[in-house]
Amino acid sequence: MPNVVTAALVQATWTGDTESMLAKHEEHAREAARRGAKVIGFQEVFNAPYFCQVQDAEHYRWAEAVPDGPTVRRMRDLARETGMVVVAPVFEVEQSGHYYNTAAVIDADGSYLGKYRKHHIPQVKGFWEKFYFRPGNLGWPVFDTAVGKVGVYICYDRHFPEGWRQLGLNGAQLVYNPSATHRGLSAYLWQLEQPAAAVANEYFVAAINRVGVEEYGENDFYGTSYFVDPRGRFVGDVAGDSEEELVVRDLDFGLIDEVRQQWAFYRDRRPDAYEGLVRP
């Protein structure tokens, strides 16, 4: 397995319908593959608008099964076609009344490896997610992919350090954080939290944000997606704040061992002293 992994992410504008949104992401993925990418991740509920700006039962129509729904089946075909690992976040229906904010992880041969369900569900103006989603119940899986060990943490999760740490303890080398966050709420945290998580847990993070204003609210999604390394440094430039963009970067996974040997954060953990962190 190579030390240097070429990875991609997409920050996208909403097109107005699922079919064109899927087609657009497929073309970005093909371009990423032409540029040598071996893994790609998309934004939160990438095949739909960010409908959580409102509370309306009509938006349950965006939900589909994982892995047997049409989007994940199509992403499996895309992975097989491009030879890339694909992280595909969607609105999942498990059964009637059981809905989750989910990301499917698909290996480079098109095989479905599993899914992550968002744990922390916000309920504030413009982010009415508790109306739609149950809290995730599958833990923090790390998937053994063709490029290495890949984890997922979704949007609001990023404010909670516990999941970042569990992904590291589970062996993650690269964590995708698909998001939908707007300028007025916590924009100043965007380039603070994920680099801090990458440093604290000594792995790479792919931070993905939507871009633009959509039809269901006034949230102005500001893009600025990026990759950050285990030293907290941006890998290449941060994406712009107003346009759709495909970001492709070379990630040197050899840096993970280097940093962990130098900083030794995992060695010096004190889980025996942390009981109070999980006390209700």
Protein backbone atom coordinates (compact mmCIF):
# COMPACT_ATOMS: atom_id res chain seq x y z
CA MET A 1 0.00 0.00 0.00
CA PRO A 2 1.58 3.34 -1.02
CA ASN A 3 2.47 5.93 1.60
CA VAL A 4 1.19 8.79 -0.58
CA VAL A 5 -2.55 8.67 -1.25
CA THR A 6 -4.15 11.05 -3.74
CA ALA A 7 -7.48 12.07 -2.23
CA ALA A 8 -10.35 14.23 -3.45
CA LEU A 9 -13.38 16.05 -2.13
CA VAL A 10 -16.19 18.02 -3.77
CA GLN A 11 -17.91 21.18 -2.53
CA ALA A 12 -20.99 21.62 -4.68
CA THR A 13 -23.91 23.91 -5.37
CA TRP A 14 -27.43 22.50 -5.37
CA THR A 15 -28.75 21.94 -8.89
CA GLY A 16 -32.47 21.67 -8.12
CA ASP A 17 -32.97 17.92 -8.55
CA THR A 18 -31.36 14.65 -7.52
CA GLU A 19 -30.61 13.31 -10.99
CA SER A 20 -28.53 16.29 -12.07
CA MET A 21 -26.85 16.41 -8.65
CA LEU A 22 -25.77 12.78 -8.99
CA ALA A 23 -24.60 13.32 -12.57
CA LYS A 24 -22.54 16.33 -11.53
CA HIS A 25 -20.82 14.41 -8.74
CA GLU A 26 -20.12 11.52 -11.08
CA GLU A 27 -18.34 13.88 -13.47
CA HIS A 28 -16.31 15.37 -10.62
CA ALA A 29 -15.33 11.84 -9.59
CA ARG A 30 -14.25 10.94 -13.11
CA GLU A 31 -12.15 14.09 -13.27
CA ALA A 32 -10.62 13.28 -9.88
CA ALA A 33 -9.74 9.80 -11.15
CA ARG A 34 -8.12 11.33 -14.23
CA ARG A 35 -6.01 13.42 -11.84
CA GLY A 36 -4.93 10.30 -9.99
CA ALA A 37 -7.29 10.31 -7.02
CA LYS A 38 -7.90 7.00 -5.27
CA VAL A 39 -10.51 8.17 -2.74
CA ILE A 40 -13.23 10.84 -2.90
CA GLY A 41 -15.81 12.21 -0.49
CA PHE A 42 -18.95 14.27 -1.03
CA GLN A 43 -20.81 16.79 1.16
CA GLU A 44 -23.57 16.09 3.69
CA VAL A 45 -26.73 14.65 2.02
CA PHE A 46 -24.96 15.32 -1.25
CA ASN A 47 -27.78 14.13 -3.53
CA ALA A 48 -30.34 16.54 -2.04
CA PRO A 49 -30.70 20.14 -0.88
CA TYR A 50 -29.99 20.90 2.76
CA PHE A 51 -33.69 20.63 3.56
CA CYS A 52 -33.10 20.87 7.33
CA GLN A 53 -33.38 24.66 7.04
CA VAL A 54 -37.12 23.99 7.42
CA GLN A 55 -39.29 21.47 9.26
CA ASP A 56 -41.62 19.95 6.71
CA ALA A 57 -42.66 16.32 6.31
CA GLU A 58 -42.47 16.65 2.51
CA HIS A 59 -38.68 16.31 2.83
CA TYR A 60 -38.86 12.71 3.97
CA ARG A 61 -39.11 12.05 0.24
CA TRP A 62 -35.34 12.46 -0.02
CA ALA A 63 -34.72 9.41 2.18
CA GLU A 64 -33.64 6.05 0.78
CA ALA A 65 -32.25 2.75 1.95
CA VAL A 66 -28.54 2.18 2.55
CA PRO A 67 -27.02 0.22 0.89
CA ASP A 68 -29.91 -0.93 -1.30
CA GLY A 69 -31.24 2.46 -2.39
CA PRO A 70 -30.65 3.97 -5.83
CA THR A 71 -27.94 6.46 -4.82
CA VAL A 72 -25.65 3.98 -3.09
CA ARG A 73 -26.12 1.46 -5.89
CA ARG A 74 -25.13 4.15 -8.37
CA MET A 75 -22.12 5.16 -6.24
CA ARG A 76 -21.02 1.52 -6.17
CA ASP A 77 -21.03 1.54 -9.96
CA LEU A 78 -19.05 4.80 -9.90
CA ALA A 79 -16.44 3.36 -7.54
CA ARG A 80 -16.07 0.30 -9.75
CA GLU A 81 -15.77 2.46 -12.87
CA THR A 82 -13.18 4.88 -11.47
CA GLY A 83 -11.29 2.52 -9.15
CA MET A 84 -11.79 4.97 -6.27
CA VAL A 85 -13.02 4.60 -2.71
CA VAL A 86 -16.22 6.68 -2.41
CA VAL A 87 -17.70 8.30 0.74
CA ALA A 88 -21.34 9.07 -0.10
CA PRO A 89 -23.48 10.89 2.53
CA VAL A 90 -27.26 10.46 2.16
CA PHE A 91 -30.56 10.68 4.07
CA GLU A 92 -31.18 7.08 5.14
CA VAL A 93 -34.48 5.35 5.91
CA GLU A 94 -33.99 2.09 7.78
CA GLN A 95 -37.69 1.38 8.33
CA SER A 96 -40.82 3.48 8.80
CA GLY A 97 -40.04 6.17 11.37
CA HIS A 98 -36.32 5.33 11.54
CA TYR A 99 -34.31 7.93 9.64
CA TYR A 100 -30.61 8.76 9.89
CA ASN A 101 -28.04 11.20 8.52
CA THR A 102 -25.70 8.61 7.04
CA ALA A 103 -22.58 8.15 4.94
CA ALA A 104 -21.98 4.97 2.96
CA VAL A 105 -18.38 3.90 2.40
CA ILE A 106 -17.67 2.02 -0.82
CA ASP A 107 -14.38 0.37 -1.71
CA ALA A 108 -12.52 0.88 -4.99
CA ASP A 109 -13.93 -2.34 -6.46
CA GLY A 110 -17.52 -1.22 -5.82
CA SER A 111 -18.05 -3.34 -2.72
CA TYR A 112 -20.12 -1.78 0.06
CA LEU A 113 -18.03 -1.67 3.25
CA GLY A 114 -20.54 -0.18 5.66
CA LYS A 115 -21.98 3.09 6.91
CA TYR A 116 -21.57 5.75 9.55
CA ARG A 117 -24.62 7.40 11.13
CA LYS A 118 -24.28 10.93 12.50
CA HIS A 119 -24.30 10.86 16.30
CA HIS A 120 -24.90 14.48 17.28
CA ILE A 121 -28.11 15.97 15.88
CA PRO A 122 -28.59 19.78 16.08
CA GLN A 123 -31.92 21.54 16.56
CA VAL A 124 -31.31 25.26 16.11
CA LYS A 125 -32.53 27.86 13.62
CA GLY A 126 -31.66 26.81 10.08
CA PHE A 127 -30.53 23.35 11.24
CA TRP A 128 -33.71 21.58 12.33
CA GLU A 129 -32.22 18.11 12.11
CA LYS A 130 -34.01 16.46 15.04
CA PHE A 131 -37.21 16.81 13.00
CA TYR A 132 -35.74 14.33 10.50
CA PHE A 133 -32.95 12.23 12.04
CA ARG A 134 -32.48 9.83 14.92
CA PRO A 135 -29.04 9.88 16.61
CA GLY A 136 -26.55 7.46 15.09
CA ASN A 137 -26.29 4.04 16.72
CA LEU A 138 -23.47 2.27 14.87
CA GLY A 139 -20.50 3.65 16.80
CA TRP A 140 -17.45 5.06 15.02
CA PRO A 141 -16.47 2.46 12.43
CA VAL A 142 -13.20 2.72 10.53
CA PHE A 143 -13.24 1.04 7.15
CA ASP A 144 -10.32 -0.95 5.76
CA THR A 145 -10.28 0.37 2.18
CA ALA A 146 -7.99 0.10 -0.83
CA VAL A 147 -6.25 3.33 0.26
CA GLY A 148 -6.03 2.63 3.98
CA LYS A 149 -8.23 3.10 7.03
CA VAL A 150 -10.98 5.66 6.44
CA GLY A 151 -13.49 7.03 8.94
CA VAL A 152 -16.39 9.49 8.75
CA TYR A 153 -17.67 12.19 11.13
CA ILE A 154 -20.61 14.31 9.88
CA CYS A 155 -20.98 18.11 10.20
CA TYR A 156 -22.21 18.98 13.75
CA ASP A 157 -20.28 15.96 15.06
CA ARG A 158 -17.10 17.99 14.57
CA HIS A 159 -17.88 20.07 17.68
CA PHE A 160 -17.55 16.96 19.88
CA PRO A 161 -13.98 15.70 20.48
CA GLU A 162 -14.99 12.26 21.72
CA GLY A 163 -15.86 10.86 18.30
CA TRP A 164 -12.70 12.22 16.70
CA ARG A 165 -10.71 10.39 19.38
CA GLN A 166 -12.65 7.14 18.98
CA LEU A 167 -11.96 7.18 15.23
CA GLY A 168 -8.26 7.55 16.01
CA LEU A 169 -8.35 4.72 18.53
CA ASN A 170 -10.09 2.61 15.90
CA GLY A 171 -7.15 3.16 13.54
CA ALA A 172 -8.29 5.94 11.19
CA GLN A 173 -5.68 7.43 8.87
CA LEU A 174 -8.10 9.72 7.02
CA VAL A 175 -11.43 11.04 8.31
CA TYR A 176 -13.96 12.67 5.99
CA ASN A 177 -16.16 15.33 7.60
CA PRO A 178 -18.99 16.11 5.15
CA SER A 179 -20.84 19.22 6.27
CA ALA A 180 -23.41 21.92 5.55
CA THR A 181 -22.48 25.03 7.54
CA HIS A 182 -23.22 28.70 6.86
CA ARG A 183 -21.46 31.99 7.42
CA GLY A 184 -23.56 33.38 10.23
CA LEU A 185 -23.41 30.51 12.72
CA SER A 186 -19.89 29.24 13.33
CA ALA A 187 -17.76 30.14 10.32
CA TYR A 188 -14.83 31.20 12.50
CA LEU A 189 -14.65 27.64 13.88
CA TRP A 190 -14.37 26.04 10.44
CA GLN A 191 -10.61 26.42 10.09
CA LEU A 192 -10.02 25.85 13.81
CA GLU A 193 -11.80 22.66 14.86
CA GLN A 194 -10.81 20.18 12.15
CA PRO A 195 -7.10 21.13 12.18
CA ALA A 196 -7.20 20.83 15.97
CA ALA A 197 -8.81 17.40 15.67
CA ALA A 198 -6.20 16.32 13.13
CA VAL A 199 -3.44 17.35 15.55
CA ALA A 200 -5.02 15.86 18.68
CA ASN A 201 -5.68 12.53 16.96
CA GLU A 202 -2.77 12.52 14.52
CA TYR A 203 -4.49 11.69 11.26
CA PHE A 204 -5.61 13.48 8.07
CA VAL A 205 -9.00 15.21 7.91
CA ALA A 206 -11.02 16.10 4.80
CA ALA A 207 -13.37 18.97 5.70
CA ILE A 208 -16.16 19.40 3.12
CA ASN A 209 -18.73 22.20 3.08
CA ARG A 210 -21.52 23.07 0.69
CA VAL A 211 -21.41 26.33 -1.22
CA GLY A 212 -24.13 28.84 -2.14
CA VAL A 213 -27.69 29.68 -1.07
CA GLU A 214 -30.40 27.07 -1.63
CA GLU A 215 -34.15 27.26 -2.10
CA TYR A 216 -35.29 26.14 1.37
CA GLY A 217 -33.72 28.90 3.46
CA GLU A 218 -31.25 31.75 3.74
CA ASN A 219 -28.20 29.76 4.88
CA ASP A 220 -25.17 30.91 2.89
CA PHE A 221 -22.94 27.87 2.68
CA TYR A 222 -19.39 29.16 2.38
CA GLY A 223 -17.37 26.28 0.95
CA THR A 224 -13.67 26.70 1.93
CA SER A 225 -13.25 22.92 1.97
CA TYR A 226 -9.80 21.53 2.60
CA PHE A 227 -7.51 18.68 3.59
CA VAL A 228 -5.43 19.05 6.77
CA ASP A 229 -2.51 16.91 7.87
CA PRO A 230 -1.64 15.43 11.32
CA ARG A 231 0.41 18.52 12.14
CA GLY A 232 -2.62 20.76 11.56
CA ARG A 233 -1.32 22.17 8.27
CA PHE A 234 -3.53 22.64 5.22
CA VAL A 235 -2.52 20.37 2.35
CA GLY A 236 -2.42 22.79 -0.57
CA ASP A 237 -4.83 25.68 -0.81
CA VAL A 238 -8.21 25.91 0.88
CA ALA A 239 -11.10 25.98 -1.64
CA GLY A 240 -12.90 29.24 -2.39
CA ASP A 241 -15.99 30.45 -0.53
CA SER A 242 -18.43 31.04 -3.38
CA GLU A 243 -17.89 28.55 -6.19
CA GLU A 244 -18.22 24.81 -6.68
CA GLU A 245 -14.85 23.11 -6.57
CA LEU A 246 -13.12 19.76 -6.87
CA VAL A 247 -10.12 19.55 -4.52
CA VAL A 248 -7.45 16.90 -5.19
CA ARG A 249 -4.44 16.58 -2.90
CA ASP A 250 -1.57 14.16 -2.22
CA LEU A 251 -1.61 12.93 1.39
CA ASP A 252 1.58 11.40 2.77
CA PHE A 253 0.32 8.75 5.18
CA GLY A 254 3.93 8.22 6.30
CA LEU A 255 3.52 11.47 8.23
CA ILE A 256 1.07 9.76 10.59
CA ASP A 257 3.70 7.44 12.08
CA GLU A 258 6.24 10.26 12.13
CA VAL A 259 3.94 12.53 14.15
CA ARG A 260 2.77 9.79 16.49
CA GLN A 261 6.35 8.87 17.31
CA GLN A 262 7.35 12.49 17.83
CA TRP A 263 4.36 13.77 19.79
CA ALA A 264 3.33 10.46 21.40
CA PHE A 265 -0.18 11.60 22.31
CA TYR A 266 -1.56 8.06 22.16
CA ARG A 267 1.19 6.80 24.45
CA ASP A 268 0.42 9.42 27.05
CA ARG A 269 -3.36 9.06 27.15
CA ARG A 270 -4.86 8.35 30.59
CA PRO A 271 -8.10 6.42 30.00
CA ASP A 272 -7.92 5.24 33.62
CA ALA A 273 -8.52 8.86 34.67
CA TYR A 274 -11.33 9.72 32.24
CA GLU A 275 -14.31 8.04 33.94
CA GLY A 276 -15.95 11.36 34.65
CA LEU A 277 -16.17 12.18 30.95
CA VAL A 278 -18.93 9.61 30.42
CA ARG A 279 -20.76 10.04 33.71
CA PRO A 280 -24.32 11.35 33.06
